Amino acid sequence: MKEDGTIWISGTYHNIFSVANSLTELGFKILNVVTWAKTNPPPNISCRYFTYSTEFIIWARKSAKRPHHFNYELMKHLNDDKQMTDVWRLPAIAPWEKSCGKHPTQKPLALLTRIILASTEKNAWVLDPFAGSSTTGIAANLIGRRYLGIEKEKQFSEMSSRRREEINNLKIYTDYRSKIKDIAKSEILEPSCFVCEDSIIYDLPF
């Protein structure tokens, strides 16, 4: 990871605080702890406590002194020209995102798209060392970023390949982009890029 690189780590109240402590001990600077407030959380069947409707995402940079990349103006534009806060109201994963199979902790494309739009430039490399079904990679490819994923489970690696092959179809690629509100709103500042070839970055920055 480059000195000016940033990392995003998601979790729940069960583990996110210990993750934050570990990052601090390793010298990372925590930039934000984003609260993902799900607009359609699964119901609480037991009815013995409040419905779980949030997850937390730590955004941190490797070096406390090196500046990081933040697309402030784009995030403001996506939030109706008001500063975007660290509370994101986004839906949970939709059925159409499971067209190639299911992963138990799969995140919605809307969430990963916003993360990548916020902290990277076009053609940047995005690494996910716990790829799962590669939602990070699909989001990255939909908005013109490059992706490297690492996954030890064969079934999820194969699911990732199927998902990537799916968006090689221009119709599906366009349909997916149209379903993610941040992509639609960012068209003015981040035009569609089915295949981005300008300013290609060949070296892996990890």
C-alpha atoms as a PDB file:
ATOM      1  CA  MET A   1       0.000   0.000   0.000  1.00  0.00           C
ATOM      2  CA  LYS A   2       1.426   3.379  -1.002  1.00  0.00           C
ATOM      3  CA  GLU A   3       2.157   6.012   1.590  1.00  0.00           C
ATOM      4  CA  ASP A   4      -0.763   8.137   0.379  1.00  0.00           C
ATOM      5  CA  GLY A   5      -3.115   5.161   0.102  1.00  0.00           C
ATOM      6  CA  THR A   6      -6.316   4.702   2.078  1.00  0.00           C
ATOM      7  CA  ILE A   7      -8.141   1.659   3.410  1.00  0.00           C
ATOM      8  CA  TRP A   8     -11.823   0.966   4.052  1.00  0.00           C
ATOM      9  CA  ILE A   9     -12.888  -1.702   6.563  1.00  0.00           C
ATOM     10  CA  SER A  10     -16.511  -2.606   7.268  1.00  0.00           C
ATOM     11  CA  GLY A  11     -17.910  -4.255  10.364  1.00  0.00           C
ATOM     12  CA  THR A  12     -20.558  -4.207  13.052  1.00  0.00           C
ATOM     13  CA  TYR A  13     -20.455  -3.117  16.666  1.00  0.00           C
ATOM     14  CA  HIS A  14     -19.091  -6.604  17.490  1.00  0.00           C
ATOM     15  CA  ASN A  15     -15.684  -5.904  15.935  1.00  0.00           C
ATOM     16  CA  ILE A  16     -15.356  -2.378  14.559  1.00  0.00           C
ATOM     17  CA  PHE A  17     -13.920  -0.846  17.738  1.00  0.00           C
ATOM     18  CA  SER A  18     -11.132  -3.419  18.011  1.00  0.00           C
ATOM     19  CA  VAL A  19     -10.343  -2.833  14.322  1.00  0.00           C
ATOM     20  CA  ALA A  20     -10.063   0.908  14.972  1.00  0.00           C
ATOM     21  CA  ASN A  21      -7.697   0.286  17.884  1.00  0.00           C
ATOM     22  CA  SER A  22      -5.521  -1.998  15.752  1.00  0.00           C
ATOM     23  CA  LEU A  23      -5.312   0.570  12.953  1.00  0.00           C
ATOM     24  CA  THR A  24      -4.252   3.249  15.411  1.00  0.00           C
ATOM     25  CA  GLU A  25      -1.562   0.995  16.883  1.00  0.00           C
ATOM     26  CA  LEU A  26      -0.246   0.368  13.354  1.00  0.00           C
ATOM     27  CA  GLY A  27       0.110   4.100  12.746  1.00  0.00           C
ATOM     28  CA  PHE A  28      -2.885   4.640  10.488  1.00  0.00           C
ATOM     29  CA  LYS A  29      -4.837   7.881  10.730  1.00  0.00           C
ATOM     30  CA  ILE A  30      -8.590   7.308  10.947  1.00  0.00           C
ATOM     31  CA  LEU A  31     -10.345   9.798   8.670  1.00  0.00           C
ATOM     32  CA  ASN A  32     -13.966   8.829   9.247  1.00  0.00           C
ATOM     33  CA  VAL A  33     -16.143   6.118  10.692  1.00  0.00           C
ATOM     34  CA  VAL A  34     -19.074   6.002   8.298  1.00  0.00           C
ATOM     35  CA  THR A  35     -22.411   4.724   9.543  1.00  0.00           C
ATOM     36  CA  TRP A  36     -24.311   2.822   6.887  1.00  0.00           C
ATOM     37  CA  ALA A  37     -27.974   3.227   7.869  1.00  0.00           C
ATOM     38  CA  LYS A  38     -29.896   0.632   5.876  1.00  0.00           C
ATOM     39  CA  THR A  39     -33.125   1.986   4.469  1.00  0.00           C
ATOM     40  CA  ASN A  40     -34.615  -1.530   4.264  1.00  0.00           C
ATOM     41  CA  PRO A  41     -33.059  -3.604   7.086  1.00  0.00           C
ATOM     42  CA  PRO A  42     -34.163  -7.212   7.634  1.00  0.00           C
ATOM     43  CA  PRO A  43     -36.859  -7.530  10.319  1.00  0.00           C
ATOM     44  CA  ASN A  44     -36.171  -8.366  13.938  1.00  0.00           C
ATOM     45  CA  ILE A  45     -37.948 -11.703  14.304  1.00  0.00           C
ATOM     46  CA  SER A  46     -37.455 -12.118  18.081  1.00  0.00           C
ATOM     47  CA  CYS A  47     -38.978  -8.696  18.901  1.00  0.00           C
ATOM     48  CA  ARG A  48     -36.781  -8.552  22.023  1.00  0.00           C
ATOM     49  CA  TYR A  49     -34.546  -5.620  21.011  1.00  0.00           C
ATOM     50  CA  PHE A  50     -34.271  -2.837  18.446  1.00  0.00           C
ATOM     51  CA  THR A  51     -33.873  -3.907  14.833  1.00  0.00           C
ATOM     52  CA  TYR A  52     -30.259  -3.969  13.688  1.00  0.00           C
ATOM     53  CA  SER A  53     -30.101  -1.481  10.830  1.00  0.00           C
ATOM     54  CA  THR A  54     -26.546  -0.148  10.767  1.00  0.00           C
ATOM     55  CA  GLU A  55     -23.044  -1.201   9.891  1.00  0.00           C
ATOM     56  CA  PHE A  56     -19.846   0.794  10.281  1.00  0.00           C
ATOM     57  CA  ILE A  57     -17.065   1.478   7.797  1.00  0.00           C
ATOM     58  CA  ILE A  58     -13.702   2.850   8.877  1.00  0.00           C
ATOM     59  CA  TRP A  59     -11.833   5.008   6.365  1.00  0.00           C
ATOM     60  CA  ALA A  60      -8.166   5.453   7.229  1.00  0.00           C
ATOM     61  CA  ARG A  61      -4.942   6.477   5.537  1.00  0.00           C
ATOM     62  CA  LYS A  62      -1.604   4.779   5.912  1.00  0.00           C
ATOM     63  CA  SER A  63       0.386   7.842   6.919  1.00  0.00           C
ATOM     64  CA  ALA A  64      -0.739  10.571   9.299  1.00  0.00           C
ATOM     65  CA  LYS A  65       1.358  13.141   7.413  1.00  0.00           C
ATOM     66  CA  ARG A  66       0.777  12.231   3.753  1.00  0.00           C
ATOM     67  CA  PRO A  67      -2.324  13.743   2.082  1.00  0.00           C
ATOM     68  CA  HIS A  68      -4.957  11.362   0.759  1.00  0.00           C
ATOM     69  CA  HIS A  69      -7.298  11.563  -2.214  1.00  0.00           C
ATOM     70  CA  PHE A  70     -10.872  12.677  -1.504  1.00  0.00           C
ATOM     71  CA  ASN A  71     -13.362  13.622  -4.213  1.00  0.00           C
ATOM     72  CA  TYR A  72     -14.979  16.271  -2.042  1.00  0.00           C
ATOM     73  CA  GLU A  73     -16.741  18.153  -4.845  1.00  0.00           C
ATOM     74  CA  LEU A  74     -18.208  14.952  -6.284  1.00  0.00           C
ATOM     75  CA  MET A  75     -19.515  13.827  -2.894  1.00  0.00           C
ATOM     76  CA  LYS A  76     -21.049  17.259  -2.371  1.00  0.00           C
ATOM     77  CA  HIS A  77     -22.649  17.072  -5.815  1.00  0.00           C
ATOM     78  CA  LEU A  78     -24.139  13.648  -4.988  1.00  0.00           C
ATOM     79  CA  ASN A  79     -25.626  15.142  -1.812  1.00  0.00           C
ATOM     80  CA  ASP A  80     -27.542  17.930  -3.590  1.00  0.00           C
ATOM     81  CA  ASP A  81     -24.665  20.410  -3.248  1.00  0.00           C
ATOM     82  CA  LYS A  82     -24.422  20.026   0.526  1.00  0.00           C
ATOM     83  CA  GLN A  83     -21.465  18.553   2.392  1.00  0.00           C
ATOM     84  CA  MET A  84     -21.898  14.800   2.648  1.00  0.00           C
ATOM     85  CA  THR A  85     -21.968  13.547   6.229  1.00  0.00           C
ATOM     86  CA  ASP A  86     -20.627  10.300   7.658  1.00  0.00           C
ATOM     87  CA  VAL A  87     -24.137   8.810   7.846  1.00  0.00           C
ATOM     88  CA  TRP A  88     -25.075   7.131   4.573  1.00  0.00           C
ATOM     89  CA  ARG A  89     -28.687   6.073   4.047  1.00  0.00           C
ATOM     90  CA  LEU A  90     -28.474   3.335   1.436  1.00  0.00           C
ATOM     91  CA  PRO A  91     -30.513   0.166   0.827  1.00  0.00           C
ATOM     92  CA  ALA A  92     -29.372  -3.342   1.608  1.00  0.00           C
ATOM     93  CA  ILE A  93     -28.477  -5.658  -1.264  1.00  0.00           C
ATOM     94  CA  ALA A  94     -31.158  -5.988  -3.970  1.00  0.00           C
ATOM     95  CA  PRO A  95     -32.258  -9.270  -5.612  1.00  0.00           C
ATOM     96  CA  TRP A  96     -30.840  -8.232  -9.008  1.00  0.00           C
ATOM     97  CA  GLU A  97     -27.361  -8.140  -7.444  1.00  0.00           C
ATOM     98  CA  LYS A  98     -27.559 -11.894  -6.753  1.00  0.00           C
ATOM     99  CA  SER A  99     -27.983 -12.951 -10.375  1.00  0.00           C
ATOM    100  CA  CYS A 100     -24.819 -15.097 -10.269  1.00  0.00           C
ATOM    101  CA  GLY A 101     -25.318 -16.607  -6.814  1.00  0.00           C
ATOM    102  CA  LYS A 102     -25.347 -15.606  -3.160  1.00  0.00           C
ATOM    103  CA  HIS A 103     -22.615 -14.699  -0.688  1.00  0.00           C
ATOM    104  CA  PRO A 104     -23.472 -14.553   3.053  1.00  0.00           C
ATOM    105  CA  THR A 105     -21.925 -11.109   3.632  1.00  0.00           C
ATOM    106  CA  GLN A 106     -22.358  -9.565   0.192  1.00  0.00           C
ATOM    107  CA  LYS A 107     -22.555  -5.773   0.264  1.00  0.00           C
ATOM    108  CA  PRO A 108     -24.705  -3.684  -2.106  1.00  0.00           C
ATOM    109  CA  LEU A 109     -23.116  -2.146  -5.169  1.00  0.00           C
ATOM    110  CA  ALA A 110     -24.421   1.276  -4.132  1.00  0.00           C
ATOM    111  CA  LEU A 111     -22.275   1.200  -0.996  1.00  0.00           C
ATOM    112  CA  LEU A 112     -19.050   0.106  -2.688  1.00  0.00           C
ATOM    113  CA  THR A 113     -19.612   2.520  -5.558  1.00  0.00           C
ATOM    114  CA  ARG A 114     -19.783   5.472  -3.182  1.00  0.00           C
ATOM    115  CA  ILE A 115     -16.664   4.348  -1.337  1.00  0.00           C
ATOM    116  CA  ILE A 116     -14.672   4.045  -4.556  1.00  0.00           C
ATOM    117  CA  LEU A 117     -15.997   7.281  -6.036  1.00  0.00           C
ATOM    118  CA  ALA A 118     -15.082   9.114  -2.837  1.00  0.00           C
ATOM    119  CA  SER A 119     -11.484   7.995  -2.558  1.00  0.00           C
ATOM    120  CA  THR A 120     -10.082   7.149  -6.006  1.00  0.00           C
ATOM    121  CA  GLU A 121      -9.517   8.638  -9.440  1.00  0.00           C
ATOM    122  CA  LYS A 122     -10.346   7.081 -12.808  1.00  0.00           C
ATOM    123  CA  ASN A 123      -8.088   4.120 -13.670  1.00  0.00           C
ATOM    124  CA  ALA A 124      -6.883   3.791 -10.073  1.00  0.00           C
ATOM    125  CA  TRP A 125      -6.196   0.308  -8.711  1.00  0.00           C
ATOM    126  CA  VAL A 126      -8.494  -1.025  -6.009  1.00  0.00           C
ATOM    127  CA  LEU A 127      -7.408  -4.018  -3.907  1.00  0.00           C
ATOM    128  CA  ASP A 128      -9.807  -6.219  -1.944  1.00  0.00           C
ATOM    129  CA  PRO A 129      -7.890  -8.911  -0.013  1.00  0.00           C
ATOM    130  CA  PHE A 130     -11.156 -10.564   1.087  1.00  0.00           C
ATOM    131  CA  ALA A 131     -12.964 -10.439  -2.241  1.00  0.00           C
ATOM    132  CA  GLY A 132     -15.933 -12.712  -1.560  1.00  0.00           C
ATOM    133  CA  SER A 133     -18.181 -12.394  -4.611  1.00  0.00           C
ATOM    134  CA  SER A 134     -16.190  -9.330  -5.790  1.00  0.00           C
ATOM    135  CA  THR A 135     -18.796  -6.630  -5.296  1.00  0.00           C
ATOM    136  CA  THR A 136     -15.849  -4.257  -4.851  1.00  0.00           C
ATOM    137  CA  GLY A 137     -14.537  -5.307  -8.246  1.00  0.00           C
ATOM    138  CA  ILE A 138     -17.867  -4.986 -10.027  1.00  0.00           C
ATOM    139  CA  ALA A 139     -18.371  -1.509  -8.554  1.00  0.00           C
ATOM    140  CA  ALA A 140     -14.815  -0.544  -9.542  1.00  0.00           C
ATOM    141  CA  ASN A 141     -15.285  -1.734 -13.121  1.00  0.00           C
ATOM    142  CA  LEU A 142     -18.650   0.023 -13.465  1.00  0.00           C
ATOM    143  CA  ILE A 143     -16.972   3.361 -12.738  1.00  0.00           C
ATOM    144  CA  GLY A 144     -13.713   2.927 -14.643  1.00  0.00           C
ATOM    145  CA  ARG A 145     -11.338   1.703 -11.925  1.00  0.00           C
ATOM    146  CA  ARG A 146      -9.020  -1.301 -12.010  1.00  0.00           C
ATOM    147  CA  TYR A 147      -9.395  -4.133  -9.544  1.00  0.00           C
ATOM    148  CA  LEU A 148      -7.399  -6.901  -7.907  1.00  0.00           C
ATOM    149  CA  GLY A 149      -9.237  -9.310  -5.625  1.00  0.00           C
ATOM    150  CA  ILE A 150      -7.954 -12.124  -3.416  1.00  0.00           C
ATOM    151  CA  GLU A 151     -10.306 -14.945  -2.383  1.00  0.00           C
ATOM    152  CA  LYS A 152      -9.422 -18.406  -1.041  1.00  0.00           C
ATOM    153  CA  GLU A 153     -12.852 -20.028  -1.492  1.00  0.00           C
ATOM    154  CA  LYS A 154     -13.184 -21.541  -4.972  1.00  0.00           C
ATOM    155  CA  GLN A 155     -16.972 -21.189  -5.130  1.00  0.00           C
ATOM    156  CA  PHE A 156     -16.784 -17.455  -4.512  1.00  0.00           C
ATOM    157  CA  SER A 157     -13.889 -16.993  -6.934  1.00  0.00           C
ATOM    158  CA  GLU A 158     -16.015 -18.678  -9.590  1.00  0.00           C
ATOM    159  CA  MET A 159     -18.979 -16.482  -8.664  1.00  0.00           C
ATOM    160  CA  SER A 160     -16.730 -13.442  -9.050  1.00  0.00           C
ATOM    161  CA  SER A 161     -15.739 -14.554 -12.534  1.00  0.00           C
ATOM    162  CA  ARG A 162     -19.373 -14.999 -13.534  1.00  0.00           C
ATOM    163  CA  ARG A 163     -20.247 -11.533 -12.242  1.00  0.00           C
ATOM    164  CA  ARG A 164     -17.345  -9.972 -14.143  1.00  0.00           C
ATOM    165  CA  GLU A 165     -18.273 -11.778 -17.346  1.00  0.00           C
ATOM    166  CA  GLU A 166     -21.855 -10.595 -16.916  1.00  0.00           C
ATOM    167  CA  ILE A 167     -20.945  -6.899 -17.148  1.00  0.00           C
ATOM    168  CA  ASN A 168     -18.960  -7.490 -20.334  1.00  0.00           C
ATOM    169  CA  ASN A 169     -22.427  -7.306 -21.872  1.00  0.00           C
ATOM    170  CA  LEU A 170     -22.955  -3.604 -22.634  1.00  0.00           C
ATOM    171  CA  LYS A 171     -26.700  -3.847 -21.968  1.00  0.00           C
ATOM    172  CA  ILE A 172     -26.170  -5.307 -18.485  1.00  0.00           C
ATOM    173  CA  TYR A 173     -23.344  -2.871 -17.790  1.00  0.00           C
ATOM    174  CA  THR A 174     -25.588   0.063 -18.693  1.00  0.00           C
ATOM    175  CA  ASP A 175     -28.530  -1.370 -16.752  1.00  0.00           C
ATOM    176  CA  TYR A 176     -26.428  -1.808 -13.603  1.00  0.00           C
ATOM    177  CA  ARG A 177     -25.113   1.743 -13.844  1.00  0.00           C
ATOM    178  CA  SER A 178     -28.650   3.091 -14.198  1.00  0.00           C
ATOM    179  CA  LYS A 179     -29.750   1.315 -11.001  1.00  0.00           C
ATOM    180  CA  ILE A 180     -27.052   2.917  -8.841  1.00  0.00           C
ATOM    181  CA  LYS A 181     -28.131   6.476  -8.024  1.00  0.00           C
ATOM    182  CA  ASP A 182     -24.639   7.809  -7.327  1.00  0.00           C
ATOM    183  CA  ILE A 183     -23.480   6.750 -10.780  1.00  0.00           C
ATOM    184  CA  ALA A 184     -26.424   8.421 -12.465  1.00  0.00           C
ATOM    185  CA  LYS A 185     -25.874  11.654 -10.513  1.00  0.00           C
ATOM    186  CA  SER A 186     -22.139  11.635 -11.115  1.00  0.00           C
ATOM    187  CA  GLU A 187     -22.449  11.481 -14.914  1.00  0.00           C
ATOM    188  CA  ILE A 188     -21.721  15.207 -15.239  1.00  0.00           C
ATOM    189  CA  LEU A 189     -18.433  14.945 -13.356  1.00  0.00           C
ATOM    190  CA  GLU A 190     -17.607  11.278 -14.071  1.00  0.00           C
ATOM    191  CA  PRO A 191     -18.752  10.328 -17.614  1.00  0.00           C
ATOM    192  CA  SER A 192     -19.511   6.701 -18.476  1.00  0.00           C
ATOM    193  CA  CYS A 193     -16.442   4.620 -19.214  1.00  0.00           C
ATOM    194  CA  PHE A 194     -17.205   1.140 -20.617  1.00  0.00           C
ATOM    195  CA  VAL A 195     -13.504   0.655 -21.330  1.00  0.00           C
ATOM    196  CA  CYS A 196     -11.145   3.267 -19.881  1.00  0.00           C
ATOM    197  CA  GLU A 197      -7.864   3.475 -21.757  1.00  0.00           C
ATOM    198  CA  ASP A 198      -6.695   7.011 -20.993  1.00  0.00           C
ATOM    199  CA  SER A 199      -3.868   7.388 -18.487  1.00  0.00           C
ATOM    200  CA  ILE A 200      -3.689   3.655 -17.821  1.00  0.00           C
ATOM    201  CA  ILE A 201      -1.782   2.789 -14.676  1.00  0.00           C
ATOM    202  CA  TYR A 202       0.122  -0.446 -15.115  1.00  0.00           C
ATOM    203  CA  ASP A 203       1.987  -0.622 -11.803  1.00  0.00           C
ATOM    204  CA  LEU A 204       0.190  -2.119  -8.832  1.00  0.00           C
ATOM    205  CA  PRO A 205       0.290   0.393  -5.946  1.00  0.00           C
ATOM    206  CA  PHE A 206       0.049  -2.075  -3.076  1.00  0.00           C
END
